Amino acid sequence: MIDSLGTLGTLRVGLIVAFTLLGLFFSFVSMTGVIRLPDLYSRAHTASQADTLGAGFGLAAVALVIGLEGTGFKTVLLLFFIFVTNPTAAHAITRAAFEEGIVPWTEGDDRR
């Protein structure tokens, strides 16, 4: 089957696999950070950055699979939407926590 794809088809399949693996990696890093990090601020940081990259690479792989038709364009729009809203939501949550008086974890703090 790979022989019938040609050079561009093989490159496309390679990019799809690479983007999928990168998406899974960053999603796993985000999940591990949310579980292991000690406080809301650290967890929001990893969730906003690593999870955004994981979802971004996953959606990029989906867009490559679908192609440049209407649905692929909608996938790219969703990708940009996630890149804007995910960090903004994490910032709003951490700012609200700070304004409520939730103090960040510091070295030597027993709260975990």
PDB file of N, CA and C in Angstrom:
ATOM      1  N   MET A   1       0.817  -1.191   0.000  1.00  0.00           N
ATOM      2  CA  MET A   1       0.000   0.000   0.000  1.00  0.00           C
ATOM      3  C   MET A   1       0.860   1.253   0.000  1.00  0.00           C
ATOM      4  N   ILE A   2       1.952   1.255   0.752  1.00  0.00           N
ATOM      5  CA  ILE A   2       2.823   2.425   0.817  1.00  0.00           C
ATOM      6  C   ILE A   2       3.418   2.724  -0.554  1.00  0.00           C
ATOM      7  N   ASP A   3       3.712   1.689  -1.346  1.00  0.00           N
ATOM      8  CA  ASP A   3       4.276   1.916  -2.671  1.00  0.00           C
ATOM      9  C   ASP A   3       3.309   2.660  -3.579  1.00  0.00           C
ATOM     10  N   SER A   4       2.026   2.462  -3.405  1.00  0.00           N
ATOM     11  CA  SER A   4       1.047   3.123  -4.257  1.00  0.00           C
ATOM     12  C   SER A   4       0.803   4.573  -3.848  1.00  0.00           C
ATOM     13  N   LEU A   5       1.280   4.990  -2.674  1.00  0.00           N
ATOM     14  CA  LEU A   5       1.059   6.355  -2.221  1.00  0.00           C
ATOM     15  C   LEU A   5       1.975   7.365  -2.894  1.00  0.00           C
ATOM     16  N   GLY A   6       3.160   6.959  -3.263  1.00  0.00           N
ATOM     17  CA  GLY A   6       4.110   7.892  -3.827  1.00  0.00           C
ATOM     18  C   GLY A   6       4.856   8.618  -2.723  1.00  0.00           C
ATOM     19  N   THR A   7       5.734   9.528  -3.114  1.00  0.00           N
ATOM     20  CA  THR A   7       6.570  10.232  -2.143  1.00  0.00           C
ATOM     21  C   THR A   7       5.756  11.147  -1.245  1.00  0.00           C
ATOM     22  N   LEU A   8       4.839  11.914  -1.823  1.00  0.00           N
ATOM     23  CA  LEU A   8       4.032  12.824  -1.008  1.00  0.00           C
ATOM     24  C   LEU A   8       3.091  12.071  -0.074  1.00  0.00           C
ATOM     25  N   GLY A   9       2.549  10.958  -0.542  1.00  0.00           N
ATOM     26  CA  GLY A   9       1.678  10.152   0.313  1.00  0.00           C
ATOM     27  C   GLY A   9       2.436   9.542   1.475  1.00  0.00           C
ATOM     28  N   THR A  10       3.645   9.069   1.229  1.00  0.00           N
ATOM     29  CA  THR A  10       4.470   8.511   2.290  1.00  0.00           C
ATOM     30  C   THR A  10       4.851   9.589   3.296  1.00  0.00           C
ATOM     31  N   LEU A  11       5.181  10.780   2.810  1.00  0.00           N
ATOM     32  CA  LEU A  11       5.500  11.894   3.693  1.00  0.00           C
ATOM     33  C   LEU A  11       4.289  12.281   4.540  1.00  0.00           C
ATOM     34  N   ARG A  12       3.118  12.278   3.917  1.00  0.00           N
ATOM     35  CA  ARG A  12       1.888  12.619   4.638  1.00  0.00           C
ATOM     36  C   ARG A  12       1.602  11.602   5.737  1.00  0.00           C
ATOM     37  N   VAL A  13       1.732  10.327   5.438  1.00  0.00           N
ATOM     38  CA  VAL A  13       1.516   9.286   6.447  1.00  0.00           C
ATOM     39  C   VAL A  13       2.536   9.425   7.571  1.00  0.00           C
ATOM     40  N   GLY A  14       3.790   9.717   7.219  1.00  0.00           N
ATOM     41  CA  GLY A  14       4.825   9.920   8.234  1.00  0.00           C
ATOM     42  C   GLY A  14       4.508  11.099   9.143  1.00  0.00           C
ATOM     43  N   LEU A  15       4.023  12.194   8.560  1.00  0.00           N
ATOM     44  CA  LEU A  15       3.648  13.361   9.363  1.00  0.00           C
ATOM     45  C   LEU A  15       2.447  13.059  10.258  1.00  0.00           C
ATOM     46  N   ILE A  16       1.502  12.302   9.738  1.00  0.00           N
ATOM     47  CA  ILE A  16       0.334  11.929  10.543  1.00  0.00           C
ATOM     48  C   ILE A  16       0.768  11.109  11.753  1.00  0.00           C
ATOM     49  N   VAL A  17       1.635  10.145  11.538  1.00  0.00           N
ATOM     50  CA  VAL A  17       2.118   9.310  12.639  1.00  0.00           C
ATOM     51  C   VAL A  17       2.924  10.156  13.626  1.00  0.00           C
ATOM     52  N   ALA A  18       3.796  11.031  13.118  1.00  0.00           N
ATOM     53  CA  ALA A  18       4.614  11.866  13.994  1.00  0.00           C
ATOM     54  C   ALA A  18       3.746  12.813  14.822  1.00  0.00           C
ATOM     55  N   PHE A  19       2.766  13.465  14.192  1.00  0.00           N
ATOM     56  CA  PHE A  19       1.889  14.374  14.927  1.00  0.00           C
ATOM     57  C   PHE A  19       1.052  13.634  15.960  1.00  0.00           C
ATOM     58  N   THR A  20       0.605  12.441  15.623  1.00  0.00           N
ATOM     59  CA  THR A  20      -0.176  11.650  16.575  1.00  0.00           C
ATOM     60  C   THR A  20       0.671  11.259  17.782  1.00  0.00           C
ATOM     61  N   LEU A  21       1.896  10.809  17.533  1.00  0.00           N
ATOM     62  CA  LEU A  21       2.783  10.433  18.633  1.00  0.00           C
ATOM     63  C   LEU A  21       3.153  11.633  19.494  1.00  0.00           C
ATOM     64  N   LEU A  22       3.410  12.783  18.870  1.00  0.00           N
ATOM     65  CA  LEU A  22       3.698  13.991  19.637  1.00  0.00           C
ATOM     66  C   LEU A  22       2.484  14.419  20.463  1.00  0.00           C
ATOM     67  N   GLY A  23       1.297  14.321  19.881  1.00  0.00           N
ATOM     68  CA  GLY A  23       0.083  14.648  20.623  1.00  0.00           C
ATOM     69  C   GLY A  23      -0.106  13.740  21.827  1.00  0.00           C
ATOM     70  N   LEU A  24       0.126  12.451  21.636  1.00  0.00           N
ATOM     71  CA  LEU A  24       0.018  11.514  22.758  1.00  0.00           C
ATOM     72  C   LEU A  24       1.065  11.803  23.826  1.00  0.00           C
ATOM     73  N   PHE A  25       2.281  12.128  23.404  1.00  0.00           N
ATOM     74  CA  PHE A  25       3.349  12.431  24.356  1.00  0.00           C
ATOM     75  C   PHE A  25       2.996  13.640  25.214  1.00  0.00           C
ATOM     76  N   PHE A  26       2.606  14.745  24.571  1.00  0.00           N
ATOM     77  CA  PHE A  26       2.298  15.946  25.331  1.00  0.00           C
ATOM     78  C   PHE A  26       1.044  15.774  26.189  1.00  0.00           C
ATOM     79  N   SER A  27       0.087  15.007  25.726  1.00  0.00           N
ATOM     80  CA  SER A  27      -1.088  14.732  26.554  1.00  0.00           C
ATOM     81  C   SER A  27      -0.711  13.906  27.779  1.00  0.00           C
ATOM     82  N   PHE A  28       0.197  12.950  27.597  1.00  0.00           N
ATOM     83  CA  PHE A  28       0.666  12.147  28.729  1.00  0.00           C
ATOM     84  C   PHE A  28       1.458  13.001  29.713  1.00  0.00           C
ATOM     85  N   VAL A  29       2.299  13.904  29.205  1.00  0.00           N
ATOM     86  CA  VAL A  29       3.051  14.806  30.076  1.00  0.00           C
ATOM     87  C   VAL A  29       2.091  15.690  30.872  1.00  0.00           C
ATOM     88  N   SER A  30       1.059  16.189  30.212  1.00  0.00           N
ATOM     89  CA  SER A  30       0.077  17.030  30.887  1.00  0.00           C
ATOM     90  C   SER A  30      -0.655  16.241  31.978  1.00  0.00           C
ATOM     91  N   MET A  31      -1.069  15.027  31.661  1.00  0.00           N
ATOM     92  CA  MET A  31      -1.762  14.200  32.639  1.00  0.00           C
ATOM     93  C   MET A  31      -0.863  13.906  33.835  1.00  0.00           C
ATOM     94  N   THR A  32       0.391  13.588  33.577  1.00  0.00           N
ATOM     95  CA  THR A  32       1.327  13.301  34.652  1.00  0.00           C
ATOM     96  C   THR A  32       1.558  14.540  35.515  1.00  0.00           C
ATOM     97  N   GLY A  33       1.659  15.704  34.883  1.00  0.00           N
ATOM     98  CA  GLY A  33       1.858  16.936  35.627  1.00  0.00           C
ATOM     99  C   GLY A  33       0.673  17.283  36.498  1.00  0.00           C
ATOM    100  N   VAL A  34      -0.522  17.086  35.990  1.00  0.00           N
ATOM    101  CA  VAL A  34      -1.716  17.388  36.777  1.00  0.00           C
ATOM    102  C   VAL A  34      -1.810  16.459  37.984  1.00  0.00           C
ATOM    103  N   ILE A  35      -1.395  15.221  37.819  1.00  0.00           N
ATOM    104  CA  ILE A  35      -1.452  14.271  38.933  1.00  0.00           C
ATOM    105  C   ILE A  35      -0.342  14.532  39.949  1.00  0.00           C
ATOM    106  N   ARG A  36       0.862  14.840  39.489  1.00  0.00           N
ATOM    107  CA  ARG A  36       2.019  14.880  40.379  1.00  0.00           C
ATOM    108  C   ARG A  36       2.356  16.238  40.957  1.00  0.00           C
ATOM    109  N   LEU A  37       1.999  17.316  40.300  1.00  0.00           N
ATOM    110  CA  LEU A  37       2.407  18.630  40.790  1.00  0.00           C
ATOM    111  C   LEU A  37       1.596  19.030  42.028  1.00  0.00           C
ATOM    112  N   PRO A  38       2.185  19.862  42.906  1.00  0.00           N
ATOM    113  CA  PRO A  38       1.619  20.039  44.242  1.00  0.00           C
ATOM    114  C   PRO A  38       0.450  21.014  44.374  1.00  0.00           C
ATOM    115  N   ASP A  39       0.340  22.021  43.524  1.00  0.00           N
ATOM    116  CA  ASP A  39      -0.694  23.017  43.777  1.00  0.00           C
ATOM    117  C   ASP A  39      -1.415  23.417  42.501  1.00  0.00           C
ATOM    118  N   LEU A  40      -2.430  24.227  42.677  1.00  0.00           N
ATOM    119  CA  LEU A  40      -3.274  24.661  41.574  1.00  0.00           C
ATOM    120  C   LEU A  40      -2.488  25.398  40.494  1.00  0.00           C
ATOM    121  N   TYR A  41      -1.554  26.229  40.898  1.00  0.00           N
ATOM    122  CA  TYR A  41      -0.805  27.044  39.942  1.00  0.00           C
ATOM    123  C   TYR A  41       0.081  26.186  39.046  1.00  0.00           C
ATOM    124  N   SER A  42       0.769  25.235  39.642  1.00  0.00           N
ATOM    125  CA  SER A  42       1.619  24.337  38.850  1.00  0.00           C
ATOM    126  C   SER A  42       0.781  23.454  37.938  1.00  0.00           C
ATOM    127  N   ARG A  43      -0.323  22.973  38.447  1.00  0.00           N
ATOM    128  CA  ARG A  43      -1.202  22.118  37.643  1.00  0.00           C
ATOM    129  C   ARG A  43      -1.822  22.878  36.485  1.00  0.00           C
ATOM    130  N   ALA A  44      -2.222  24.122  36.741  1.00  0.00           N
ATOM    131  CA  ALA A  44      -2.788  24.935  35.659  1.00  0.00           C
ATOM    132  C   ALA A  44      -1.739  25.235  34.599  1.00  0.00           C
ATOM    133  N   HIS A  45      -0.495  25.408  35.034  1.00  0.00           N
ATOM    134  CA  HIS A  45       0.585  25.677  34.087  1.00  0.00           C
ATOM    135  C   HIS A  45       0.792  24.501  33.135  1.00  0.00           C
ATOM    136  N   THR A  46       0.895  23.299  33.697  1.00  0.00           N
ATOM    137  CA  THR A  46       1.108  22.139  32.837  1.00  0.00           C
ATOM    138  C   THR A  46      -0.127  21.823  31.993  1.00  0.00           C
ATOM    139  N   ALA A  47      -1.306  22.055  32.564  1.00  0.00           N
ATOM    140  CA  ALA A  47      -2.517  21.774  31.799  1.00  0.00           C
ATOM    141  C   ALA A  47      -2.688  22.747  30.650  1.00  0.00           C
ATOM    142  N   SER A  48      -2.292  23.989  30.855  1.00  0.00           N
ATOM    143  CA  SER A  48      -2.485  24.967  29.780  1.00  0.00           C
ATOM    144  C   SER A  48      -1.445  24.817  28.680  1.00  0.00           C
ATOM    145  N   GLN A  49      -0.227  24.461  29.023  1.00  0.00           N
ATOM    146  CA  GLN A  49       0.809  24.394  27.991  1.00  0.00           C
ATOM    147  C   GLN A  49       0.901  23.019  27.333  1.00  0.00           C
ATOM    148  N   ALA A  50       1.128  22.000  28.132  1.00  0.00           N
ATOM    149  CA  ALA A  50       1.326  20.672  27.546  1.00  0.00           C
ATOM    150  C   ALA A  50       0.050  20.133  26.919  1.00  0.00           C
ATOM    151  N   ASP A  51      -1.077  20.384  27.545  1.00  0.00           N
ATOM    152  CA  ASP A  51      -2.337  19.897  26.993  1.00  0.00           C
ATOM    153  C   ASP A  51      -2.697  20.617  25.698  1.00  0.00           C
ATOM    154  N   THR A  52      -2.374  21.895  25.626  1.00  0.00           N
ATOM    155  CA  THR A  52      -2.601  22.637  24.389  1.00  0.00           C
ATOM    156  C   THR A  52      -1.756  22.069  23.257  1.00  0.00           C
ATOM    157  N   LEU A  53      -0.508  21.752  23.546  1.00  0.00           N
ATOM    158  CA  LEU A  53       0.343  21.146  22.517  1.00  0.00           C
ATOM    159  C   LEU A  53      -0.157  19.756  22.129  1.00  0.00           C
ATOM    160  N   GLY A  54      -0.580  18.969  23.116  1.00  0.00           N
ATOM    161  CA  GLY A  54      -1.095  17.640  22.816  1.00  0.00           C
ATOM    162  C   GLY A  54      -2.323  17.692  21.926  1.00  0.00           C
ATOM    163  N   ALA A  55      -3.253  18.558  22.282  1.00  0.00           N
ATOM    164  CA  ALA A  55      -4.455  18.707  21.456  1.00  0.00           C
ATOM    165  C   ALA A  55      -4.108  19.297  20.095  1.00  0.00           C
ATOM    166  N   GLY A  56      -3.158  20.211  20.070  1.00  0.00           N
ATOM    167  CA  GLY A  56      -2.754  20.822  18.804  1.00  0.00           C
ATOM    168  C   GLY A  56      -2.150  19.818  17.837  1.00  0.00           C
ATOM    169  N   PHE A  57      -1.234  19.001  18.330  1.00  0.00           N
ATOM    170  CA  PHE A  57      -0.641  17.987  17.459  1.00  0.00           C
ATOM    171  C   PHE A  57      -1.677  16.947  17.041  1.00  0.00           C
ATOM    172  N   GLY A  58      -2.566  16.574  17.954  1.00  0.00           N
ATOM    173  CA  GLY A  58      -3.621  15.625  17.600  1.00  0.00           C
ATOM    174  C   GLY A  58      -4.543  16.169  16.522  1.00  0.00           C
ATOM    175  N   LEU A  59      -4.943  17.427  16.651  1.00  0.00           N
ATOM    176  CA  LEU A  59      -5.805  18.029  15.638  1.00  0.00           C
ATOM    177  C   LEU A  59      -5.067  18.255  14.323  1.00  0.00           C
ATOM    178  N   ALA A  60      -3.767  18.527  14.400  1.00  0.00           N
ATOM    179  CA  ALA A  60      -2.987  18.653  13.163  1.00  0.00           C
ATOM    180  C   ALA A  60      -2.950  17.322  12.419  1.00  0.00           C
ATOM    181  N   ALA A  61      -2.831  16.222  13.166  1.00  0.00           N
ATOM    182  CA  ALA A  61      -2.861  14.899  12.532  1.00  0.00           C
ATOM    183  C   ALA A  61      -4.228  14.636  11.900  1.00  0.00           C
ATOM    184  N   VAL A  62      -5.293  15.015  12.593  1.00  0.00           N
ATOM    185  CA  VAL A  62      -6.648  14.831  12.053  1.00  0.00           C
ATOM    186  C   VAL A  62      -6.816  15.667  10.780  1.00  0.00           C
ATOM    187  N   ALA A  63      -6.320  16.907  10.801  1.00  0.00           N
ATOM    188  CA  ALA A  63      -6.426  17.768   9.617  1.00  0.00           C
ATOM    189  C   ALA A  63      -5.665  17.178   8.436  1.00  0.00           C
ATOM    190  N   LEU A  64      -4.517  16.546   8.693  1.00  0.00           N
ATOM    191  CA  LEU A  64      -3.777  15.910   7.604  1.00  0.00           C
ATOM    192  C   LEU A  64      -4.509  14.687   7.064  1.00  0.00           C
ATOM    193  N   VAL A  65      -5.171  13.950   7.933  1.00  0.00           N
ATOM    194  CA  VAL A  65      -5.927  12.780   7.482  1.00  0.00           C
ATOM    195  C   VAL A  65      -7.111  13.204   6.624  1.00  0.00           C
ATOM    196  N   ILE A  66      -7.825  14.224   7.079  1.00  0.00           N
ATOM    197  CA  ILE A  66      -9.035  14.660   6.374  1.00  0.00           C
ATOM    198  C   ILE A  66      -8.706  15.337   5.056  1.00  0.00           C
ATOM    199  N   GLY A  67      -7.667  16.155   5.058  1.00  0.00           N
ATOM    200  CA  GLY A  67      -7.309  16.873   3.838  1.00  0.00           C
ATOM    201  C   GLY A  67      -7.787  18.312   3.883  1.00  0.00           C
ATOM    202  N   LEU A  68      -7.794  18.952   2.726  1.00  0.00           N
ATOM    203  CA  LEU A  68      -8.105  20.379   2.651  1.00  0.00           C
ATOM    204  C   LEU A  68      -9.564  20.669   2.338  1.00  0.00           C
ATOM    205  N   GLU A  69     -10.420  19.697   2.527  1.00  0.00           N
ATOM    206  CA  GLU A  69     -11.845  19.944   2.313  1.00  0.00           C
ATOM    207  C   GLU A  69     -12.407  20.790   3.444  1.00  0.00           C
ATOM    208  N   GLY A  70     -13.701  20.984   3.479  1.00  0.00           N
ATOM    209  CA  GLY A  70     -14.346  21.821   4.483  1.00  0.00           C
ATOM    210  C   GLY A  70     -14.134  21.353   5.903  1.00  0.00           C
ATOM    211  N   THR A  71     -14.178  20.045   6.124  1.00  0.00           N
ATOM    212  CA  THR A  71     -13.997  19.517   7.471  1.00  0.00           C
ATOM    213  C   THR A  71     -12.568  19.719   7.954  1.00  0.00           C
ATOM    214  N   GLY A  72     -11.605  19.579   7.070  1.00  0.00           N
ATOM    215  CA  GLY A  72     -10.209  19.840   7.436  1.00  0.00           C
ATOM    216  C   GLY A  72      -9.989  21.291   7.823  1.00  0.00           C
ATOM    217  N   PHE A  73     -10.649  22.198   7.124  1.00  0.00           N
ATOM    218  CA  PHE A  73     -10.557  23.617   7.452  1.00  0.00           C
ATOM    219  C   PHE A  73     -11.172  23.890   8.825  1.00  0.00           C
ATOM    220  N   LYS A  74     -12.288  23.232   9.123  1.00  0.00           N
ATOM    221  CA  LYS A  74     -12.920  23.388  10.436  1.00  0.00           C
ATOM    222  C   LYS A  74     -12.013  22.844  11.543  1.00  0.00           C
ATOM    223  N   THR A  75     -11.273  21.788  11.251  1.00  0.00           N
ATOM    224  CA  THR A  75     -10.333  21.236  12.227  1.00  0.00           C
ATOM    225  C   THR A  75      -9.219  22.231  12.523  1.00  0.00           C
ATOM    226  N   VAL A  76      -8.727  22.903  11.499  1.00  0.00           N
ATOM    227  CA  VAL A  76      -7.694  23.917  11.696  1.00  0.00           C
ATOM    228  C   VAL A  76      -8.252  25.095  12.509  1.00  0.00           C
ATOM    229  N   LEU A  77      -9.490  25.486  12.256  1.00  0.00           N
ATOM    230  CA  LEU A  77     -10.112  26.542  13.050  1.00  0.00           C
ATOM    231  C   LEU A  77     -10.247  26.119  14.515  1.00  0.00           C
ATOM    232  N   LEU A  78     -10.607  24.882  14.742  1.00  0.00           N
ATOM    233  CA  LEU A  78     -10.693  24.355  16.102  1.00  0.00           C
ATOM    234  C   LEU A  78      -9.326  24.371  16.775  1.00  0.00           C
ATOM    235  N   LEU A  79      -8.289  24.058  16.025  1.00  0.00           N
ATOM    236  CA  LEU A  79      -6.927  24.095  16.537  1.00  0.00           C
ATOM    237  C   LEU A  79      -6.564  25.497  17.021  1.00  0.00           C
ATOM    238  N   PHE A  80      -6.855  26.516  16.217  1.00  0.00           N
ATOM    239  CA  PHE A  80      -6.572  27.892  16.631  1.00  0.00           C
ATOM    240  C   PHE A  80      -7.430  28.301  17.829  1.00  0.00           C
ATOM    241  N   PHE A  81      -8.667  27.845  17.876  1.00  0.00           N
ATOM    242  CA  PHE A  81      -9.545  28.137  18.999  1.00  0.00           C
ATOM    243  C   PHE A  81      -8.968  27.572  20.296  1.00  0.00           C
ATOM    244  N   ILE A  82      -8.469  26.353  20.255  1.00  0.00           N
ATOM    245  CA  ILE A  82      -7.874  25.734  21.440  1.00  0.00           C
ATOM    246  C   ILE A  82      -6.601  26.469  21.843  1.00  0.00           C
ATOM    247  N   PHE A  83      -5.792  26.891  20.866  1.00  0.00           N
ATOM    248  CA  PHE A  83      -4.567  27.624  21.183  1.00  0.00           C
ATOM    249  C   PHE A  83      -4.856  28.950  21.880  1.00  0.00           C
ATOM    250  N   VAL A  84      -5.994  29.537  21.634  1.00  0.00           N
ATOM    251  CA  VAL A  84      -6.340  30.803  22.277  1.00  0.00           C
ATOM    252  C   VAL A  84      -7.060  30.574  23.608  1.00  0.00           C
ATOM    253  N   THR A  85      -8.021  29.674  23.634  1.00  0.00           N
ATOM    254  CA  THR A  85      -8.879  29.559  24.813  1.00  0.00           C
ATOM    255  C   THR A  85      -8.267  28.764  25.964  1.00  0.00           C
ATOM    256  N   ASN A  86      -7.477  27.752  25.688  1.00  0.00           N
ATOM    257  CA  ASN A  86      -6.943  26.922  26.765  1.00  0.00           C
ATOM    258  C   ASN A  86      -6.017  27.719  27.691  1.00  0.00           C
ATOM    259  N   PRO A  87      -5.019  28.434  27.190  1.00  0.00           N
ATOM    260  CA  PRO A  87      -4.199  29.242  28.101  1.00  0.00           C
ATOM    261  C   PRO A  87      -4.981  30.384  28.756  1.00  0.00           C
ATOM    262  N   THR A  88      -5.941  30.945  28.041  1.00  0.00           N
ATOM    263  CA  THR A  88      -6.742  32.028  28.614  1.00  0.00           C
ATOM    264  C   THR A  88      -7.580  31.520  29.780  1.00  0.00           C
ATOM    265  N   ALA A  89      -8.168  30.361  29.641  1.00  0.00           N
ATOM    266  CA  ALA A  89      -8.970  29.780  30.726  1.00  0.00           C
ATOM    267  C   ALA A  89      -8.090  29.436  31.929  1.00  0.00           C
ATOM    268  N   ALA A  90      -6.904  28.895  31.686  1.00  0.00           N
ATOM    269  CA  ALA A  90      -6.000  28.579  32.798  1.00  0.00           C
ATOM    270  C   ALA A  90      -5.569  29.850  33.517  1.00  0.00           C
ATOM    271  N   HIS A  91      -5.322  30.915  32.774  1.00  0.00           N
ATOM    272  CA  HIS A  91      -4.964  32.190  33.392  1.00  0.00           C
ATOM    273  C   HIS A  91      -6.114  32.726  34.242  1.00  0.00           C
ATOM    274  N   ALA A  92      -7.325  32.638  33.730  1.00  0.00           N
ATOM    275  CA  ALA A  92      -8.487  33.123  34.486  1.00  0.00           C
ATOM    276  C   ALA A  92      -8.689  32.318  35.766  1.00  0.00           C
ATOM    277  N   ILE A  93      -8.502  31.017  35.700  1.00  0.00           N
ATOM    278  CA  ILE A  93      -8.664  30.172  36.880  1.00  0.00           C
ATOM    279  C   ILE A  93      -7.599  30.492  37.922  1.00  0.00           C
ATOM    280  N   THR A  94      -6.352  30.624  37.506  1.00  0.00           N
ATOM    281  CA  THR A  94      -5.285  30.906  38.472  1.00  0.00           C
ATOM    282  C   THR A  94      -5.405  32.320  39.037  1.00  0.00           C
ATOM    283  N   ARG A  95      -5.848  33.251  38.224  1.00  0.00           N
ATOM    284  CA  ARG A  95      -6.040  34.609  38.738  1.00  0.00           C
ATOM    285  C   ARG A  95      -7.159  34.639  39.782  1.00  0.00           C
ATOM    286  N   ALA A  96      -8.241  33.921  39.513  1.00  0.00           N
ATOM    287  CA  ALA A  96      -9.330  33.853  40.488  1.00  0.00           C
ATOM    288  C   ALA A  96      -8.861  33.182  41.778  1.00  0.00           C
ATOM    289  N   ALA A  97      -8.033  32.155  41.661  1.00  0.00           N
ATOM    290  CA  ALA A  97      -7.504  31.486  42.852  1.00  0.00           C
ATOM    291  C   ALA A  97      -6.612  32.430  43.646  1.00  0.00           C
ATOM    292  N   PHE A  98      -5.790  33.201  42.947  1.00  0.00           N
ATOM    293  CA  PHE A  98      -4.926  34.154  43.630  1.00  0.00           C
ATOM    294  C   PHE A  98      -5.737  35.231  44.340  1.00  0.00           C
ATOM    295  N   GLU A  99      -6.776  35.707  43.689  1.00  0.00           N
ATOM    296  CA  GLU A  99      -7.616  36.740  44.298  1.00  0.00           C
ATOM    297  C   GLU A  99      -8.425  36.201  45.479  1.00  0.00           C
ATOM    298  N   GLU A 100      -8.662  34.894  45.507  1.00  0.00           N
ATOM    299  CA  GLU A 100      -9.346  34.271  46.643  1.00  0.00           C
ATOM    300  C   GLU A 100      -8.394  33.982  47.797  1.00  0.00           C
ATOM    301  N   GLY A 101      -7.114  34.212  47.585  1.00  0.00           N
ATOM    302  CA  GLY A 101      -6.145  34.034  48.657  1.00  0.00           C
ATOM    303  C   GLY A 101      -5.499  32.669  48.713  1.00  0.00           C
ATOM    304  N   ILE A 102      -5.636  31.876  47.685  1.00  0.00           N
ATOM    305  CA  ILE A 102      -4.970  30.570  47.656  1.00  0.00           C
ATOM    306  C   ILE A 102      -3.491  30.819  47.377  1.00  0.00           C
ATOM    307  N   VAL A 103      -2.656  30.443  48.340  1.00  0.00           N
ATOM    308  CA  VAL A 103      -1.224  30.727  48.211  1.00  0.00           C
ATOM    309  C   VAL A 103      -0.533  29.620  47.433  1.00  0.00           C
ATOM    310  N   PRO A 104       0.460  29.988  46.619  1.00  0.00           N
ATOM    311  CA  PRO A 104       1.203  28.966  45.867  1.00  0.00           C
ATOM    312  C   PRO A 104       2.044  28.094  46.798  1.00  0.00           C
ATOM    313  N   TRP A 105       2.304  26.898  46.365  1.00  0.00           N
ATOM    314  CA  TRP A 105       3.155  25.974  47.097  1.00  0.00           C
ATOM    315  C   TRP A 105       4.587  26.484  47.036  1.00  0.00           C
ATOM    316  N   THR A 106       5.314  26.394  48.142  1.00  0.00           N
ATOM    317  CA  THR A 106       6.724  26.783  48.171  1.00  0.00           C
ATOM    318  C   THR A 106       7.546  25.620  48.713  1.00  0.00           C
ATOM    319  N   GLU A 107       8.837  25.700  48.517  1.00  0.00           N
ATOM    320  CA  GLU A 107       9.760  24.656  48.981  1.00  0.00           C
ATOM    321  C   GLU A 107       9.638  24.511  50.488  1.00  0.00           C
ATOM    322  N   GLY A 108       9.527  23.307  50.957  1.00  0.00           N
ATOM    323  CA  GLY A 108       9.409  23.045  52.383  1.00  0.00           C
ATOM    324  C   GLY A 108       7.980  23.056  52.896  1.00  0.00           C
ATOM    325  N   ASP A 109       7.041  23.360  52.025  1.00  0.00           N
ATOM    326  CA  ASP A 109       5.634  23.374  52.404  1.00  0.00           C
ATOM    327  C   ASP A 109       5.137  21.929  52.456  1.00  0.00           C
ATOM    328  N   ASP A 110       4.416  21.575  53.506  1.00  0.00           N
ATOM    329  CA  ASP A 110       3.947  20.190  53.661  1.00  0.00           C
ATOM    330  C   ASP A 110       2.686  19.885  52.891  1.00  0.00           C
ATOM    331  N   ARG A 111       2.007  20.913  52.351  1.00  0.00           N
ATOM    332  CA  ARG A 111       0.785  20.668  51.575  1.00  0.00           C
ATOM    333  C   ARG A 111       1.168  20.008  50.252  1.00  0.00           C
ATOM    334  N   ARG A 112       0.534  18.923  49.955  1.00  0.00           N
ATOM    335  CA  ARG A 112       0.745  18.285  48.647  1.00  0.00           C
ATOM    336  C   ARG A 112      -0.523  17.684  48.197  1.00  0.00           C
TER     337      ARG A 112
END
